[in-house]
PDB file of N, CA and C in Angstrom:
ATOM      1  N   MET A   1       0.843  -1.484  -0.134  1.00  0.00           N
ATOM      2  CA  MET A   1       0.130   0.219   0.647  1.00  0.00           C
ATOM      3  C   MET A   1       0.705   1.162  -0.028  1.00  0.00           C
ATOM      4  N   SER A   2       0.588   2.029  -0.938  1.00  0.00           N
ATOM      5  CA  SER A   2       1.795   3.207  -0.756  1.00  0.00           C
ATOM      6  C   SER A   2       1.326   4.657   0.579  1.00  0.00           C
ATOM      7  N   ILE A   3       1.808   5.499   0.258  1.00  0.00           N
ATOM      8  CA  ILE A   3       1.623   6.769   1.980  1.00  0.00           C
ATOM      9  C   ILE A   3       0.685   7.244   1.120  1.00  0.00           C
ATOM     10  N   PHE A   4       0.092   7.254   0.276  1.00  0.00           N
ATOM     11  CA  PHE A   4      -0.852   8.047  -0.500  1.00  0.00           C
ATOM     12  C   PHE A   4      -2.091   6.893   0.280  1.00  0.00           C
ATOM     13  N   GLY A   5      -2.632   5.646   0.090  1.00  0.00           N
ATOM     14  CA  GLY A   5      -3.509   5.236   0.033  1.00  0.00           C
ATOM     15  C   GLY A   5      -3.211   4.906   1.738  1.00  0.00           C
ATOM     16  N   LYS A   6      -2.272   4.339   1.928  1.00  0.00           N
ATOM     17  CA  LYS A   6      -2.545   3.963   3.525  1.00  0.00           C
ATOM     18  C   LYS A   6      -3.063   5.637   4.314  1.00  0.00           C
ATOM     19  N   THR A   7      -2.808   7.050   4.354  1.00  0.00           N
ATOM     20  CA  THR A   7      -3.507   7.719   4.346  1.00  0.00           C
ATOM     21  C   THR A   7      -4.494   8.252   4.371  1.00  0.00           C
ATOM     22  N   LEU A   8      -5.039   7.790   2.847  1.00  0.00           N
ATOM     23  CA  LEU A   8      -6.461   7.614   2.445  1.00  0.00           C
ATOM     24  C   LEU A   8      -7.269   7.378   4.215  1.00  0.00           C
ATOM     25  N   ARG A   9      -7.346   6.205   3.766  1.00  0.00           N
ATOM     26  CA  ARG A   9      -8.037   5.105   4.167  1.00  0.00           C
ATOM     27  C   ARG A   9      -7.852   5.527   5.877  1.00  0.00           C
ATOM     28  N   LYS A  10      -7.228   6.000   6.036  1.00  0.00           N
ATOM     29  CA  LYS A  10      -6.719   6.439   8.087  1.00  0.00           C
ATOM     30  C   LYS A  10      -8.003   7.657   7.953  1.00  0.00           C
ATOM     31  N   ALA A  11      -7.437   8.594   6.806  1.00  0.00           N
ATOM     32  CA  ALA A  11      -8.177   9.604   6.743  1.00  0.00           C
ATOM     33  C   ALA A  11     -10.217   9.038   6.620  1.00  0.00           C
ATOM     34  N   ARG A  12     -10.579   8.515   6.224  1.00  0.00           N
ATOM     35  CA  ARG A  12     -11.473   7.902   5.242  1.00  0.00           C
ATOM     36  C   ARG A  12     -12.479   7.020   7.082  1.00  0.00           C
ATOM     37  N   LEU A  13     -11.797   6.144   7.451  1.00  0.00           N
ATOM     38  CA  LEU A  13     -11.382   5.309   9.123  1.00  0.00           C
ATOM     39  C   LEU A  13     -12.070   6.976   9.835  1.00  0.00           C
ATOM     40  N   ALA A  14     -11.154   7.642   9.979  1.00  0.00           N
ATOM     41  CA  ALA A  14     -11.654   9.080  10.855  1.00  0.00           C
ATOM     42  C   ALA A  14     -12.362   9.444  10.938  1.00  0.00           C
ATOM     43  N   ALA A  15     -12.568   9.612   9.373  1.00  0.00           N
ATOM     44  CA  ALA A  15     -13.725  10.651   9.702  1.00  0.00           C
ATOM     45  C   ALA A  15     -15.513   9.323   9.475  1.00  0.00           C
ATOM     46  N   GLY A  16     -15.406   8.194   8.903  1.00  0.00           N
ATOM     47  CA  GLY A  16     -16.734   7.457   9.446  1.00  0.00           C
ATOM     48  C   GLY A  16     -16.869   7.483   8.489  1.00  0.00           C
ATOM     49  N   LEU A  17     -16.870   7.248   7.686  1.00  0.00           N
ATOM     50  CA  LEU A  17     -17.193   7.403   6.006  1.00  0.00           C
ATOM     51  C   LEU A  17     -16.840   5.297   6.237  1.00  0.00           C
ATOM     52  N   THR A  18     -17.544   4.509   4.746  1.00  0.00           N
ATOM     53  CA  THR A  18     -17.301   3.422   4.328  1.00  0.00           C
ATOM     54  C   THR A  18     -16.391   3.748   3.032  1.00  0.00           C
ATOM     55  N   GLN A  19     -16.372   3.281   2.181  1.00  0.00           N
ATOM     56  CA  GLN A  19     -15.685   3.134   1.017  1.00  0.00           C
ATOM     57  C   GLN A  19     -16.893   3.235  -0.127  1.00  0.00           C
ATOM     58  N   GLU A  20     -17.569   3.360   0.122  1.00  0.00           N
ATOM     59  CA  GLU A  20     -18.735   3.597  -0.498  1.00  0.00           C
ATOM     60  C   GLU A  20     -19.759   4.725  -0.188  1.00  0.00           C
ATOM     61  N   HIS A  21     -19.016   5.464   0.848  1.00  0.00           N
ATOM     62  CA  HIS A  21     -19.510   6.760   1.238  1.00  0.00           C
ATOM     63  C   HIS A  21     -18.877   7.986   0.320  1.00  0.00           C
ATOM     64  N   LEU A  22     -17.143   7.190   0.630  1.00  0.00           N
ATOM     65  CA  LEU A  22     -16.425   8.600   0.993  1.00  0.00           C
ATOM     66  C   LEU A  22     -16.947   8.222  -0.907  1.00  0.00           C
ATOM     67  N   GLY A  23     -17.433   7.629  -1.512  1.00  0.00           N
ATOM     68  CA  GLY A  23     -16.959   7.631  -3.431  1.00  0.00           C
ATOM     69  C   GLY A  23     -17.949   7.657  -4.460  1.00  0.00           C
ATOM     70  N   PHE A  24     -19.277   7.914  -2.724  1.00  0.00           N
ATOM     71  CA  PHE A  24     -20.676   9.315  -3.324  1.00  0.00           C
ATOM     72  C   PHE A  24     -20.258  10.682  -2.732  1.00  0.00           C
ATOM     73  N   GLU A  25     -19.113  10.330  -2.674  1.00  0.00           N
ATOM     74  CA  GLU A  25     -19.364  12.043  -1.631  1.00  0.00           C
ATOM     75  C   GLU A  25     -18.084  12.804  -2.629  1.00  0.00           C
ATOM     76  N   VAL A  26     -17.027  11.914  -3.925  1.00  0.00           N
ATOM     77  CA  VAL A  26     -16.418  12.718  -4.282  1.00  0.00           C
ATOM     78  C   VAL A  26     -16.728  11.892  -5.739  1.00  0.00           C
ATOM     79  N   GLY A  27     -17.663  11.239  -5.897  1.00  0.00           N
ATOM     80  CA  GLY A  27     -18.175  11.356  -7.214  1.00  0.00           C
ATOM     81  C   GLY A  27     -17.842  10.266  -8.287  1.00  0.00           C
ATOM     82  N   VAL A  28     -17.327   9.257  -7.611  1.00  0.00           N
ATOM     83  CA  VAL A  28     -16.906   7.661  -7.942  1.00  0.00           C
ATOM     84  C   VAL A  28     -17.187   6.488  -7.354  1.00  0.00           C
ATOM     85  N   THR A  29     -17.103   5.425  -7.670  1.00  0.00           N
ATOM     86  CA  THR A  29     -16.840   3.815  -7.300  1.00  0.00           C
ATOM     87  C   THR A  29     -16.812   3.829  -5.734  1.00  0.00           C
ATOM     88  N   LYS A  30     -17.066   2.774  -5.391  1.00  0.00           N
ATOM     89  CA  LYS A  30     -16.013   2.584  -4.058  1.00  0.00           C
ATOM     90  C   LYS A  30     -15.031   1.558  -4.983  1.00  0.00           C
ATOM     91  N   ALA A  31     -15.012   1.044  -5.877  1.00  0.00           N
ATOM     92  CA  ALA A  31     -14.224   0.512  -6.686  1.00  0.00           C
ATOM     93  C   ALA A  31     -13.027   1.253  -6.956  1.00  0.00           C
ATOM     94  N   SER A  32     -13.045   2.361  -7.332  1.00  0.00           N
ATOM     95  CA  SER A  32     -11.949   3.178  -7.465  1.00  0.00           C
ATOM     96  C   SER A  32     -11.285   3.912  -6.329  1.00  0.00           C
ATOM     97  N   VAL A  33     -12.127   4.050  -5.301  1.00  0.00           N
ATOM     98  CA  VAL A  33     -11.136   3.782  -3.601  1.00  0.00           C
ATOM     99  C   VAL A  33     -10.815   3.302  -3.047  1.00  0.00           C
ATOM    100  N   SER A  34     -11.578   2.341  -3.385  1.00  0.00           N
ATOM    101  CA  SER A  34     -10.063   1.046  -2.960  1.00  0.00           C
ATOM    102  C   SER A  34      -9.432   0.784  -3.728  1.00  0.00           C
ATOM    103  N   ALA A  35      -9.429   0.539  -4.825  1.00  0.00           N
ATOM    104  CA  ALA A  35      -8.317   1.059  -6.133  1.00  0.00           C
ATOM    105  C   ALA A  35      -7.316   1.667  -5.418  1.00  0.00           C
ATOM    106  N   TRP A  36      -7.484   2.880  -4.392  1.00  0.00           N
ATOM    107  CA  TRP A  36      -7.165   4.433  -4.476  1.00  0.00           C
ATOM    108  C   TRP A  36      -6.401   3.662  -3.354  1.00  0.00           C
ATOM    109  N   GLU A  37      -7.024   2.697  -2.410  1.00  0.00           N
ATOM    110  CA  GLU A  37      -6.345   2.902  -1.440  1.00  0.00           C
ATOM    111  C   GLU A  37      -5.352   1.509  -1.175  1.00  0.00           C
ATOM    112  N   ASN A  38      -4.527   0.610  -2.027  1.00  0.00           N
ATOM    113  CA  ASN A  38      -4.524  -0.320  -2.838  1.00  0.00           C
ATOM    114  C   ASN A  38      -3.732   0.309  -2.980  1.00  0.00           C
ATOM    115  N   GLY A  39      -3.709   0.994  -3.681  1.00  0.00           N
ATOM    116  CA  GLY A  39      -2.471   1.623  -4.308  1.00  0.00           C
ATOM    117  C   GLY A  39      -2.171   0.626  -5.758  1.00  0.00           C
ATOM    118  N   ARG A  40      -2.779   0.313  -6.241  1.00  0.00           N
ATOM    119  CA  ARG A  40      -3.289   0.329  -7.525  1.00  0.00           C
ATOM    120  C   ARG A  40      -4.139   0.912  -8.823  1.00  0.00           C
ATOM    121  N   GLU A  41      -4.138   2.243  -8.803  1.00  0.00           N
ATOM    122  CA  GLU A  41      -4.490   3.125  -9.271  1.00  0.00           C
ATOM    123  C   GLU A  41      -4.610   4.970  -8.210  1.00  0.00           C
ATOM    124  N   MET A  42      -4.241   6.334  -9.036  1.00  0.00           N
ATOM    125  CA  MET A  42      -4.139   7.198  -7.874  1.00  0.00           C
ATOM    126  C   MET A  42      -5.095   7.707  -8.538  1.00  0.00           C
ATOM    127  N   PRO A  43      -6.008   8.959  -7.969  1.00  0.00           N
ATOM    128  CA  PRO A  43      -6.701   9.377  -7.719  1.00  0.00           C
ATOM    129  C   PRO A  43      -6.306  10.752  -9.129  1.00  0.00           C
ATOM    130  N   SER A  44      -7.518  11.697 -10.365  1.00  0.00           N
ATOM    131  CA  SER A  44      -7.498  12.186 -10.603  1.00  0.00           C
ATOM    132  C   SER A  44      -6.886  13.731  -9.644  1.00  0.00           C
ATOM    133  N   PHE A  45      -6.158  14.932 -10.297  1.00  0.00           N
ATOM    134  CA  PHE A  45      -5.860  15.983  -9.577  1.00  0.00           C
ATOM    135  C   PHE A  45      -8.125  16.457  -9.293  1.00  0.00           C
ATOM    136  N   ASN A  46      -8.929  16.603  -9.841  1.00  0.00           N
ATOM    137  CA  ASN A  46     -10.417  17.389  -9.136  1.00  0.00           C
ATOM    138  C   ASN A  46     -11.128  15.415  -8.461  1.00  0.00           C
ATOM    139  N   ALA A  47     -10.239  14.855  -8.525  1.00  0.00           N
ATOM    140  CA  ALA A  47     -11.207  13.870  -7.275  1.00  0.00           C
ATOM    141  C   ALA A  47      -9.759  13.936  -5.802  1.00  0.00           C
ATOM    142  N   LEU A  48      -9.115  14.453  -6.351  1.00  0.00           N
ATOM    143  CA  LEU A  48      -8.192  14.522  -4.652  1.00  0.00           C
ATOM    144  C   LEU A  48      -8.578  15.736  -3.939  1.00  0.00           C
ATOM    145  N   LEU A  49      -8.826  16.976  -4.915  1.00  0.00           N
ATOM    146  CA  LEU A  49      -9.781  17.549  -4.481  1.00  0.00           C
ATOM    147  C   LEU A  49     -11.582  18.135  -3.984  1.00  0.00           C
ATOM    148  N   SER A  50     -11.571  16.922  -4.051  1.00  0.00           N
ATOM    149  CA  SER A  50     -13.386  15.673  -3.638  1.00  0.00           C
ATOM    150  C   SER A  50     -12.351  15.394  -2.349  1.00  0.00           C
ATOM    151  N   LEU A  51     -11.518  14.340  -2.282  1.00  0.00           N
ATOM    152  CA  LEU A  51     -11.201  13.998  -1.416  1.00  0.00           C
ATOM    153  C   LEU A  51     -10.316  15.240  -0.124  1.00  0.00           C
ATOM    154  N   ARG A  52     -10.087  15.975  -0.499  1.00  0.00           N
ATOM    155  CA  ARG A  52      -9.888  16.672   0.801  1.00  0.00           C
ATOM    156  C   ARG A  52     -10.505  17.535   1.261  1.00  0.00           C
ATOM    157  N   ALA A  53     -11.872  18.307   0.162  1.00  0.00           N
ATOM    158  CA  ALA A  53     -13.635  18.248   0.638  1.00  0.00           C
ATOM    159  C   ALA A  53     -13.521  16.921   1.888  1.00  0.00           C
ATOM    160  N   ALA A  54     -14.365  16.099   1.059  1.00  0.00           N
ATOM    161  CA  ALA A  54     -15.193  14.863   1.779  1.00  0.00           C
ATOM    162  C   ALA A  54     -14.192  14.823   3.189  1.00  0.00           C
ATOM    163  N   LEU A  55     -12.828  14.606   3.634  1.00  0.00           N
ATOM    164  CA  LEU A  55     -12.347  14.708   4.433  1.00  0.00           C
ATOM    165  C   LEU A  55     -11.539  15.075   4.993  1.00  0.00           C
ATOM    166  N   LYS A  56     -12.060  16.572   5.198  1.00  0.00           N
ATOM    167  CA  LYS A  56     -11.542  17.526   5.900  1.00  0.00           C
ATOM    168  C   LYS A  56     -10.269  17.729   6.059  1.00  0.00           C
ATOM    169  N   ILE A  57      -8.890  17.776   5.276  1.00  0.00           N
ATOM    170  CA  ILE A  57      -7.919  17.351   5.833  1.00  0.00           C
ATOM    171  C   ILE A  57      -7.220  18.322   3.394  1.00  0.00           C
ATOM    172  N   SER A  58      -5.833  18.457   4.704  1.00  0.00           N
ATOM    173  CA  SER A  58      -5.005  19.939   3.528  1.00  0.00           C
ATOM    174  C   SER A  58      -4.431  18.434   2.845  1.00  0.00           C
ATOM    175  N   LEU A  59      -3.787  19.220   0.979  1.00  0.00           N
ATOM    176  CA  LEU A  59      -3.449  18.694   0.141  1.00  0.00           C
ATOM    177  C   LEU A  59      -2.113  17.607   0.781  1.00  0.00           C
ATOM    178  N   ASP A  60      -1.334  18.580   1.262  1.00  0.00           N
ATOM    179  CA  ASP A  60      -0.134  18.315   1.192  1.00  0.00           C
ATOM    180  C   ASP A  60      -0.644  16.614   2.052  1.00  0.00           C
ATOM    181  N   THR A  61      -1.188  16.612   3.346  1.00  0.00           N
ATOM    182  CA  THR A  61      -1.370  15.520   4.282  1.00  0.00           C
ATOM    183  C   THR A  61      -1.479  14.479   3.040  1.00  0.00           C
ATOM    184  N   LEU A  62      -2.978  14.184   2.439  1.00  0.00           N
ATOM    185  CA  LEU A  62      -3.325  13.665   2.124  1.00  0.00           C
ATOM    186  C   LEU A  62      -2.285  12.965   1.393  1.00  0.00           C
ATOM    187  N   VAL A  63      -1.438  14.243   0.191  1.00  0.00           N
ATOM    188  CA  VAL A  63      -0.742  12.984  -1.118  1.00  0.00           C
ATOM    189  C   VAL A  63       1.085  12.877  -0.026  1.00  0.00           C
ATOM    190  N   ASP A  64       1.490  13.686   0.896  1.00  0.00           N
ATOM    191  CA  ASP A  64       2.315  12.533   1.532  1.00  0.00           C
ATOM    192  C   ASP A  64       2.220  12.373   3.009  1.00  0.00           C
ATOM    193  N   GLY A  65       1.518  12.457   3.142  1.00  0.00           N
ATOM    194  CA  GLY A  65       0.614  11.276   4.208  1.00  0.00           C
ATOM    195  C   GLY A  65       1.388  12.285   5.877  1.00  0.00           C
ATOM    196  N   TRP A  66       0.724  11.093   6.899  1.00  0.00           N
ATOM    197  CA  TRP A  66       0.295  12.820   8.783  1.00  0.00           C
ATOM    198  C   TRP A  66       1.676  12.529   9.276  1.00  0.00           C
ATOM    199  N   PRO A  67       2.339  13.401  10.133  1.00  0.00           N
ATOM    200  CA  PRO A  67       2.973  13.162  10.506  1.00  0.00           C
ATOM    201  C   PRO A  67       3.540  12.095  10.956  1.00  0.00           C
ATOM    202  N   ASP A  68       4.440  11.438  10.583  1.00  0.00           N
ATOM    203  CA  ASP A  68       5.261   9.620  11.418  1.00  0.00           C
ATOM    204  C   ASP A  68       5.149   9.827  12.420  1.00  0.00           C
ATOM    205  N   GLU A  69       4.077   9.369  12.961  1.00  0.00           N
ATOM    206  CA  GLU A  69       4.062   9.132  14.228  1.00  0.00           C
ATOM    207  C   GLU A  69       4.558   8.129  14.456  1.00  0.00           C
ATOM    208  N   THR A  70       5.628   7.462  14.928  1.00  0.00           N
ATOM    209  CA  THR A  70       5.916   6.948  15.034  1.00  0.00           C
ATOM    210  C   THR A  70       7.469   7.192  15.361  1.00  0.00           C
ATOM    211  N   LEU A  71       7.689   8.120  14.232  1.00  0.00           N
ATOM    212  CA  LEU A  71       9.203   9.603  14.643  1.00  0.00           C
ATOM    213  C   LEU A  71       8.876   9.849  15.911  1.00  0.00           C
ATOM    214  N   VAL A  72       8.066  10.434  16.381  1.00  0.00           N
ATOM    215  CA  VAL A  72       7.184  11.573  16.832  1.00  0.00           C
ATOM    216  C   VAL A  72       6.854  10.902  18.748  1.00  0.00           C
ATOM    217  N   GLN A  73       6.978   9.459  18.188  1.00  0.00           N
ATOM    218  CA  GLN A  73       6.712   9.144  19.741  1.00  0.00           C
ATOM    219  C   GLN A  73       8.296   8.483  20.413  1.00  0.00           C
ATOM    220  N   GLU A  74       9.564   7.469  18.890  1.00  0.00           N
ATOM    221  CA  GLU A  74      10.389   7.201  19.238  1.00  0.00           C
ATOM    222  C   GLU A  74      11.367   8.014  19.660  1.00  0.00           C
ATOM    223  N   ARG A  75      11.464   9.849  19.239  1.00  0.00           N
ATOM    224  CA  ARG A  75      12.605  10.344  19.551  1.00  0.00           C
ATOM    225  C   ARG A  75      12.247  11.586  19.120  1.00  0.00           C
ATOM    226  N   PRO A  76      10.961  11.888  21.164  1.00  0.00           N
ATOM    227  CA  PRO A  76      10.269  13.339  20.985  1.00  0.00           C
ATOM    228  C   PRO A  76      11.527  14.665  20.955  1.00  0.00           C
ATOM    229  N   SER A  77      12.305  14.463  21.689  1.00  0.00           N
ATOM    230  CA  SER A  77      13.161  15.634  21.985  1.00  0.00           C
ATOM    231  C   SER A  77      13.435  16.142  20.174  1.00  0.00           C
ATOM    232  N   ALA A  78      13.379  15.554  19.090  1.00  0.00           N
ATOM    233  CA  ALA A  78      13.408  16.180  18.161  1.00  0.00           C
ATOM    234  C   ALA A  78      12.297  17.084  17.772  1.00  0.00           C
ATOM    235  N   TYR A  79      10.737  16.801  18.660  1.00  0.00           N
ATOM    236  CA  TYR A  79       9.810  17.980  18.891  1.00  0.00           C
ATOM    237  C   TYR A  79       9.649  18.100  19.754  1.00  0.00           C
ATOM    238  N   LEU A  80      10.080  17.889  20.910  1.00  0.00           N
ATOM    239  CA  LEU A  80       9.745  18.501  22.359  1.00  0.00           C
ATOM    240  C   LEU A  80      11.352  19.340  22.950  1.00  0.00           C
ATOM    241  N   SER A  81      10.844  19.922  23.685  1.00  0.00           N
ATOM    242  CA  SER A  81      12.291  20.511  24.899  1.00  0.00           C
ATOM    243  C   SER A  81      12.599  19.192  24.813  1.00  0.00           C
ATOM    244  N   ASP A  82      11.561  19.068  26.839  1.00  0.00           N
ATOM    245  CA  ASP A  82      12.046  17.629  27.572  1.00  0.00           C
ATOM    246  C   ASP A  82      12.013  16.556  26.552  1.00  0.00           C
ATOM    247  N   PRO A  83      12.831  15.930  26.412  1.00  0.00           N
ATOM    248  CA  PRO A  83      12.960  14.511  26.074  1.00  0.00           C
ATOM    249  C   PRO A  83      12.267  13.592  26.918  1.00  0.00           C
ATOM    250  N   ARG A  84      12.417  13.709  28.001  1.00  0.00           N
ATOM    251  CA  ARG A  84      11.368  13.335  28.683  1.00  0.00           C
ATOM    252  C   ARG A  84       9.610  13.060  28.617  1.00  0.00           C
ATOM    253  N   ARG A  85       9.119  14.062  28.429  1.00  0.00           N
ATOM    254  CA  ARG A  85       7.970  13.840  27.478  1.00  0.00           C
ATOM    255  C   ARG A  85       7.460  13.351  26.325  1.00  0.00           C
ATOM    256  N   THR A  86       6.439  13.115  26.600  1.00  0.00           N
ATOM    257  CA  THR A  86       5.959  12.692  25.375  1.00  0.00           C
ATOM    258  C   THR A  86       4.434  12.885  25.480  1.00  0.00           C
ATOM    259  N   TRP A  87       4.149  12.937  23.440  1.00  0.00           N
ATOM    260  CA  TRP A  87       2.749  13.447  23.595  1.00  0.00           C
ATOM    261  C   TRP A  87       1.228  12.803  24.038  1.00  0.00           C
ATOM    262  N   SER A  88       1.059  13.125  23.675  1.00  0.00           N
ATOM    263  CA  SER A  88      -0.734  13.043  24.075  1.00  0.00           C
ATOM    264  C   SER A  88      -1.476  12.761  22.885  1.00  0.00           C
ATOM    265  N   GLU A  89      -2.025  11.387  22.907  1.00  0.00           N
ATOM    266  CA  GLU A  89      -3.152  10.969  21.166  1.00  0.00           C
ATOM    267  C   GLU A  89      -3.744  13.010  21.139  1.00  0.00           C
ATOM    268  N   ARG A  90      -4.563  13.311  22.233  1.00  0.00           N
ATOM    269  CA  ARG A  90      -4.808  14.863  22.202  1.00  0.00           C
ATOM    270  C   ARG A  90      -3.933  15.612  21.296  1.00  0.00           C
ATOM    271  N   GLU A  91      -3.022  16.224  22.336  1.00  0.00           N
ATOM    272  CA  GLU A  91      -2.308  16.913  22.007  1.00  0.00           C
ATOM    273  C   GLU A  91      -1.575  16.128  20.499  1.00  0.00           C
ATOM    274  N   PHE A  92      -1.791  15.254  19.752  1.00  0.00           N
ATOM    275  CA  PHE A  92      -1.338  15.219  18.079  1.00  0.00           C
ATOM    276  C   PHE A  92      -1.885  14.853  17.598  1.00  0.00           C
ATOM    277  N   ALA A  93      -3.448  14.828  17.187  1.00  0.00           N
ATOM    278  CA  ALA A  93      -4.482  15.390  16.640  1.00  0.00           C
ATOM    279  C   ALA A  93      -3.977  16.526  17.179  1.00  0.00           C
ATOM    280  N   LEU A  94      -3.907  17.544  17.828  1.00  0.00           N
ATOM    281  CA  LEU A  94      -4.008  18.619  17.860  1.00  0.00           C
ATOM    282  C   LEU A  94      -3.035  19.822  16.368  1.00  0.00           C
ATOM    283  N   LEU A  95      -1.994  19.018  16.688  1.00  0.00           N
ATOM    284  CA  LEU A  95      -1.005  19.596  16.343  1.00  0.00           C
ATOM    285  C   LEU A  95      -1.491  18.794  14.541  1.00  0.00           C
ATOM    286  N   GLN A  96      -1.543  17.745  14.179  1.00  0.00           N
ATOM    287  CA  GLN A  96      -2.601  17.430  13.114  1.00  0.00           C
ATOM    288  C   GLN A  96      -3.136  18.256  12.419  1.00  0.00           C
ATOM    289  N   ARG A  97      -4.263  18.177  13.181  1.00  0.00           N
ATOM    290  CA  ARG A  97      -5.437  19.458  12.801  1.00  0.00           C
ATOM    291  C   ARG A  97      -5.165  21.113  12.348  1.00  0.00           C
ATOM    292  N   PHE A  98      -3.863  21.302  12.816  1.00  0.00           N
ATOM    293  CA  PHE A  98      -2.475  22.480  13.084  1.00  0.00           C
ATOM    294  C   PHE A  98      -1.839  22.541  11.889  1.00  0.00           C
ATOM    295  N   ARG A  99      -1.040  21.450  11.323  1.00  0.00           N
ATOM    296  CA  ARG A  99      -0.819  21.476  10.150  1.00  0.00           C
ATOM    297  C   ARG A  99      -1.766  21.658   8.704  1.00  0.00           C
ATOM    298  N   GLY A 100      -3.008  20.518   8.412  1.00  0.00           N
ATOM    299  CA  GLY A 100      -4.001  20.497   7.894  1.00  0.00           C
ATOM    300  C   GLY A 100      -4.046  21.482   7.960  1.00  0.00           C
ATOM    301  N   MET A 101      -4.163  23.343   8.424  1.00  0.00           N
ATOM    302  CA  MET A 101      -4.764  24.261   8.358  1.00  0.00           C
ATOM    303  C   MET A 101      -4.445  25.348   7.085  1.00  0.00           C
ATOM    304  N   SER A 102      -4.856  25.599   6.573  1.00  0.00           N
ATOM    305  CA  SER A 102      -4.178  27.146   5.597  1.00  0.00           C
ATOM    306  C   SER A 102      -2.889  28.068   6.465  1.00  0.00           C
ATOM    307  N   GLY A 103      -2.279  28.874   6.089  1.00  0.00           N
ATOM    308  CA  GLY A 103      -1.347  30.480   6.691  1.00  0.00           C
ATOM    309  C   GLY A 103      -2.470  30.842   7.535  1.00  0.00           C
ATOM    310  N   ARG A 104      -3.654  31.486   6.629  1.00  0.00           N
ATOM    311  CA  ARG A 104      -4.213  32.212   7.421  1.00  0.00           C
ATOM    312  C   ARG A 104      -5.191  31.724   8.770  1.00  0.00           C
ATOM    313  N   ARG A 105      -5.774  30.349   9.007  1.00  0.00           N
ATOM    314  CA  ARG A 105      -6.618  29.649   9.921  1.00  0.00           C
ATOM    315  C   ARG A 105      -5.214  29.317  11.196  1.00  0.00           C
ATOM    316  N   GLN A 106      -4.141  29.342  10.900  1.00  0.00           N
ATOM    317  CA  GLN A 106      -3.301  28.281  11.595  1.00  0.00           C
ATOM    318  C   GLN A 106      -2.598  30.003  12.511  1.00  0.00           C
ATOM    319  N   GLU A 107      -2.874  31.390  11.808  1.00  0.00           N
ATOM    320  CA  GLU A 107      -3.132  32.539  12.384  1.00  0.00           C
ATOM    321  C   GLU A 107      -4.147  33.188  13.436  1.00  0.00           C
ATOM    322  N   ALA A 108      -5.043  32.812  12.858  1.00  0.00           N
ATOM    323  CA  ALA A 108      -6.227  33.150  13.879  1.00  0.00           C
ATOM    324  C   ALA A 108      -5.896  32.355  14.798  1.00  0.00           C
ATOM    325  N   PHE A 109      -6.225  30.756  14.787  1.00  0.00           N
ATOM    326  CA  PHE A 109      -6.461  30.027  15.963  1.00  0.00           C
ATOM    327  C   PHE A 109      -4.799  30.214  17.154  1.00  0.00           C
ATOM    328  N   LEU A 110      -4.286  30.609  16.314  1.00  0.00           N
ATOM    329  CA  LEU A 110      -2.700  31.412  16.863  1.00  0.00           C
ATOM    330  C   LEU A 110      -3.218  32.368  17.962  1.00  0.00           C
ATOM    331  N   GLU A 111      -3.963  33.078  17.439  1.00  0.00           N
ATOM    332  CA  GLU A 111      -4.232  34.869  18.091  1.00  0.00           C
ATOM    333  C   GLU A 111      -5.820  33.995  18.694  1.00  0.00           C
ATOM    334  N   ILE A 112      -6.544  32.690  18.878  1.00  0.00           N
ATOM    335  CA  ILE A 112      -7.206  32.934  19.528  1.00  0.00           C
ATOM    336  C   ILE A 112      -6.672  32.010  20.981  1.00  0.00           C
ATOM    337  N   MET A 113      -5.806  31.742  20.150  1.00  0.00           N
ATOM    338  CA  MET A 113      -5.199  30.584  21.533  1.00  0.00           C
ATOM    339  C   MET A 113      -3.853  32.017  22.617  1.00  0.00           C
ATOM    340  N   CYS A 114      -3.368  32.817  22.410  1.00  0.00           N
ATOM    341  CA  CYS A 114      -2.498  33.346  22.737  1.00  0.00           C
ATOM    342  C   CYS A 114      -2.274  34.644  21.469  1.00  0.00           C
ATOM    343  N   PRO A 115      -3.319  35.210  22.135  1.00  0.00           N
ATOM    344  CA  PRO A 115      -4.204  37.298  21.922  1.00  0.00           C
ATOM    345  C   PRO A 115      -2.921  38.057  21.777  1.00  0.00           C
ATOM    346  N   GLY A 116      -2.055  38.726  21.351  1.00  0.00           N
ATOM    347  CA  GLY A 116      -1.658  39.496  20.956  1.00  0.00           C
ATOM    348  C   GLY A 116      -0.003  38.925  20.972  1.00  0.00           C
ATOM    349  N   GLU A 117       0.420  37.909  21.149  1.00  0.00           N
ATOM    350  CA  GLU A 117       1.940  37.411  21.050  1.00  0.00           C
ATOM    351  C   GLU A 117       2.365  37.549  19.539  1.00  0.00           C
TER     352      GLU A 117
END
């Protein structure tokens, strides 16, 4: 399975969608979604845009994959100032969502969380 296929499957399951339902949202068949997830085919650019909208994730994440969870868990010092600290699932989910936002949305989020900084 390709990185794209793994990411697509993970995002689809996280969204609570079946292959059939995602296919309906994107305008393709269940077989197409299955072929994408299994790395037998790649979607068109228009289908990628529809996938992005249906799954509510960025194209970067969809194409390049989620941040490497294993790396974050095995080498937290690469991500945190205190290497004894590990990421909770909620912290990791928040980071993933933040990275999936446009630059403008990231700025707005930071302004809400840290006003005036």
